[in-house]
Amino acid sequence: MFDIFAFFPRNEKIVSCLYQNPDAIFRLICFPWAGSGSIYFAKWGQKVHDLLEVHSIRLAGRESRSEEPFSRDINQAVDEIVCALLPLLRDKSFAFFGHSMGAHLAFMTARQLKEQYHLEPMHFFVSSASPPQAVLSCDMSCIFGSEDTIINNVEAWKDVTSGNVGMYHRPGGHFYLLEPSNEDFIQNYITQSLQLSTMAY
């Protein structure tokens, strides 16, 4: 059988995993906000449930890629991420989490994976982002700071997927997730949601 994944080597330069967990059932792929590196989300791998292995996207111009020029073309960045992710998506179910600009990058990545490789996250977790104009079919959870004045029209996320959509507000502004209690909520919520997903099949 032809294996498309064999043509895409694993690229740890682009996808960071600080705490590998071979026994995990799910891979959680995190997309950081604009200007951030991979470290914040990669550290989640130490704190989340054993069911998850956490990977975080590292964009050009950040951390170990600091000598590379920042990408000025988001479509080029998506192509690069998709190629780097494909080897990770062949053997385990996966979910996406994106905050702010990272949510849009995650959405574009999910759309390209669906259109070109018929792959889609089991669940898409959105944080502090306005909805794009496109459609997925996976379940989605949208989490926002109750005092966030940057984003708008958040209810329109319900039109972005044909799957189930949950909306959740936490105390704080656009970077509410930096508050430890909110970070704990997100990590626990992601774990519980993915656990329930397995029971649904």
Protein backbone atom coordinates (compact mmCIF):
# COMPACT_ATOMS: atom_id res chain seq x y z
CA MET A 1 0.00 0.00 0.00
CA PHE A 2 1.34 3.44 -0.91
CA ASP A 3 2.32 5.42 2.20
CA ILE A 4 2.32 9.17 1.62
CA PHE A 5 3.75 9.74 5.11
CA ALA A 6 7.01 7.99 4.21
CA PHE A 7 8.00 10.96 2.06
CA PHE A 8 7.85 13.43 4.98
CA PRO A 9 10.64 13.02 7.56
CA ARG A 10 9.99 14.16 11.11
CA ASN A 11 11.20 17.73 11.54
CA GLU A 12 12.01 18.62 15.15
CA LYS A 13 13.18 22.07 14.07
CA ILE A 14 9.57 23.02 13.35
CA VAL A 15 7.72 20.81 15.84
CA SER A 16 9.00 20.80 19.42
CA CYS A 17 8.22 18.01 21.89
CA LEU A 18 10.04 18.46 25.22
CA TYR A 19 8.36 15.51 26.94
CA GLN A 20 7.93 12.54 24.64
CA ASN A 21 5.28 10.03 25.67
CA PRO A 22 5.28 6.93 23.43
CA ASP A 23 2.33 5.45 25.33
CA ALA A 24 0.08 8.46 24.75
CA ILE A 25 -3.21 7.92 22.96
CA PHE A 26 -3.43 11.45 21.55
CA ARG A 27 -1.03 14.04 20.22
CA LEU A 28 -1.92 17.62 21.06
CA ILE A 29 -0.41 20.06 18.54
CA CYS A 30 -0.20 23.62 19.91
CA PHE A 31 0.15 26.76 17.81
CA PRO A 32 1.57 29.80 19.69
CA TRP A 33 0.46 33.39 19.38
CA ALA A 34 2.28 35.97 17.25
CA GLY A 35 5.75 36.76 18.57
CA SER A 36 5.87 33.70 20.82
CA GLY A 37 8.09 30.65 20.49
CA SER A 38 7.29 27.01 21.12
CA ILE A 39 8.44 26.76 24.74
CA TYR A 40 5.30 27.92 26.56
CA PHE A 41 3.10 25.19 25.10
CA ALA A 42 5.85 22.57 24.86
CA LYS A 43 6.14 22.73 28.66
CA TRP A 44 2.52 21.61 28.91
CA GLY A 45 3.84 18.14 28.17
CA GLN A 46 5.15 17.94 31.73
CA LYS A 47 1.79 18.82 33.28
CA VAL A 48 -0.94 17.25 31.18
CA HIS A 49 -2.44 13.78 31.55
CA ASP A 50 -0.45 10.73 30.41
CA LEU A 51 -3.00 10.24 27.63
CA LEU A 52 -1.45 13.21 25.79
CA GLU A 53 1.85 13.92 24.10
CA VAL A 54 2.24 17.67 23.55
CA HIS A 55 3.94 19.15 20.50
CA SER A 56 4.39 22.86 19.85
CA ILE A 57 4.99 24.65 16.56
CA ARG A 58 8.20 26.68 16.24
CA LEU A 59 8.02 29.30 13.50
CA ALA A 60 10.94 30.74 11.54
CA GLY A 61 12.81 33.52 13.34
CA ARG A 62 12.18 32.10 16.82
CA GLU A 63 14.32 30.13 19.30
CA SER A 64 16.59 27.64 17.49
CA ARG A 65 15.35 29.10 14.19
CA SER A 66 16.32 32.67 15.15
CA GLU A 67 18.73 33.00 12.21
CA GLU A 68 15.97 32.25 9.71
CA PRO A 69 13.96 35.20 8.37
CA PHE A 70 10.42 35.58 9.65
CA SER A 71 7.88 34.16 7.23
CA ARG A 72 5.99 36.90 5.40
CA ASP A 73 3.67 34.45 3.67
CA ILE A 74 1.28 32.59 5.98
CA ASN A 75 0.51 30.05 3.25
CA GLN A 76 4.20 29.19 3.03
CA ALA A 77 4.29 28.76 6.81
CA VAL A 78 1.28 26.44 6.63
CA ASP A 79 2.93 24.32 3.91
CA GLU A 80 6.02 23.99 6.09
CA ILE A 81 3.97 23.02 9.16
CA VAL A 82 1.90 20.46 7.27
CA CYS A 83 5.02 18.72 5.94
CA ALA A 84 6.54 18.67 9.43
CA LEU A 85 3.36 17.31 11.04
CA LEU A 86 2.51 14.51 8.63
CA PRO A 87 4.90 11.94 10.17
CA LEU A 88 3.32 12.62 13.58
CA LEU A 89 -0.22 12.04 12.39
CA ARG A 90 0.17 8.54 10.98
CA ASP A 91 -0.24 6.45 14.14
CA LYS A 92 -2.22 8.42 16.75
CA SER A 93 -5.33 10.55 16.93
CA PHE A 94 -4.51 14.24 17.22
CA ALA A 95 -6.01 17.53 18.30
CA PHE A 96 -5.07 21.16 17.64
CA PHE A 97 -4.89 24.03 20.14
CA GLY A 98 -4.22 27.55 18.90
CA HIS A 99 -4.15 30.88 20.72
CA SER A 100 -4.83 34.19 18.96
CA MET A 101 -2.91 34.23 15.64
CA GLY A 102 -1.94 30.63 16.40
CA ALA A 103 -5.61 29.65 16.16
CA HIS A 104 -5.78 31.01 12.60
CA LEU A 105 -2.55 29.23 11.70
CA ALA A 106 -3.93 26.02 13.21
CA PHE A 107 -7.16 26.44 11.28
CA MET A 108 -5.37 26.90 7.97
CA THR A 109 -3.21 23.87 8.75
CA ALA A 110 -6.28 21.79 9.57
CA ARG A 111 -7.99 22.88 6.37
CA GLN A 112 -4.97 21.94 4.25
CA LEU A 113 -4.62 18.56 5.98
CA LYS A 114 -8.28 17.88 5.29
CA GLU A 115 -8.23 18.99 1.66
CA GLN A 116 -4.92 17.42 0.62
CA TYR A 117 -4.54 14.38 2.90
CA HIS A 118 -8.05 13.68 4.24
CA LEU A 119 -6.81 14.15 7.79
CA GLU A 120 -8.59 16.21 10.42
CA PRO A 121 -8.09 16.81 14.15
CA MET A 122 -10.30 14.82 16.48
CA HIS A 123 -10.96 18.13 18.21
CA PHE A 124 -10.02 21.73 17.49
CA PHE A 125 -9.45 23.97 20.53
CA VAL A 126 -9.61 27.71 19.78
CA SER A 127 -8.39 30.37 22.21
CA SER A 128 -8.84 34.16 21.89
CA ALA A 129 -9.43 34.35 18.13
CA SER A 130 -12.10 35.69 15.79
CA PRO A 131 -13.53 33.12 13.34
CA PRO A 132 -12.22 32.66 9.78
CA GLN A 133 -14.25 32.02 6.62
CA ALA A 134 -14.06 28.28 5.98
CA VAL A 135 -15.53 25.00 7.18
CA LEU A 136 -14.21 21.93 8.98
CA SER A 137 -16.15 18.93 10.25
CA CYS A 138 -14.45 18.15 13.58
CA ASP A 139 -15.79 19.09 17.02
CA MET A 140 -14.55 22.44 18.28
CA SER A 141 -14.16 24.21 21.61
CA CYS A 142 -13.73 27.99 21.79
CA ILE A 143 -12.24 29.53 24.93
CA PHE A 144 -12.05 33.28 25.49
CA GLY A 145 -11.14 35.80 28.13
CA SER A 146 -14.28 37.50 29.44
CA GLU A 147 -12.57 40.92 29.20
CA ASP A 148 -10.97 40.40 25.77
CA THR A 149 -11.56 43.51 23.66
CA ILE A 150 -9.43 42.42 20.69
CA ILE A 151 -11.59 39.68 19.20
CA ASN A 152 -15.15 39.93 17.94
CA ASN A 153 -18.06 37.93 16.53
CA VAL A 154 -17.00 34.85 18.49
CA GLU A 155 -20.42 33.20 18.08
CA ALA A 156 -19.61 32.82 14.37
CA TRP A 157 -17.21 30.01 15.27
CA LYS A 158 -20.36 27.87 15.35
CA ASP A 159 -20.56 28.29 11.57
CA VAL A 160 -16.95 27.19 11.00
CA THR A 161 -17.51 23.47 11.54
CA SER A 162 -20.29 20.97 11.04
CA GLY A 163 -19.23 19.30 14.29
CA ASN A 164 -20.28 20.19 17.82
CA VAL A 165 -19.10 23.56 19.16
CA GLY A 166 -18.67 24.57 22.81
CA MET A 167 -18.12 28.17 23.95
CA TYR A 168 -16.33 28.94 27.23
CA HIS A 169 -15.32 32.18 28.92
CA ARG A 170 -12.61 32.52 31.55
CA PRO A 171 -11.68 35.54 33.68
CA GLY A 172 -9.17 37.83 31.99
CA GLY A 173 -8.27 39.52 28.73
CA HIS A 174 -6.67 38.39 25.48
CA PHE A 175 -3.90 36.50 27.29
CA TYR A 176 -6.14 35.04 29.98
CA LEU A 177 -4.38 31.68 29.54
CA LEU A 178 -1.23 33.00 31.25
CA GLU A 179 -3.13 32.99 34.55
CA PRO A 180 -2.26 29.63 36.21
CA SER A 181 -5.87 28.80 37.09
CA ASN A 182 -6.95 29.37 33.48
CA GLU A 183 -4.00 27.36 32.16
CA ASP A 184 -5.02 24.49 34.46
CA PHE A 185 -8.60 24.76 33.21
CA ILE A 186 -7.51 24.54 29.58
CA GLN A 187 -5.24 21.54 30.15
CA ASN A 188 -7.88 19.66 32.15
CA TYR A 189 -10.62 20.55 29.68
CA ILE A 190 -8.58 19.33 26.70
CA THR A 191 -7.82 16.04 28.45
CA GLN A 192 -11.46 15.46 29.44
CA SER A 193 -12.73 16.34 25.97
CA LEU A 194 -10.38 13.89 24.27
CA GLN A 195 -11.20 11.18 26.78
CA LEU A 196 -14.89 11.64 26.00
CA SER A 197 -14.10 11.51 22.28
CA THR A 198 -12.70 8.01 22.63
CA MET A 199 -15.87 6.87 24.41
CA ALA A 200 -18.00 8.19 21.57
CA TYR A 201 -16.43 5.81 19.02
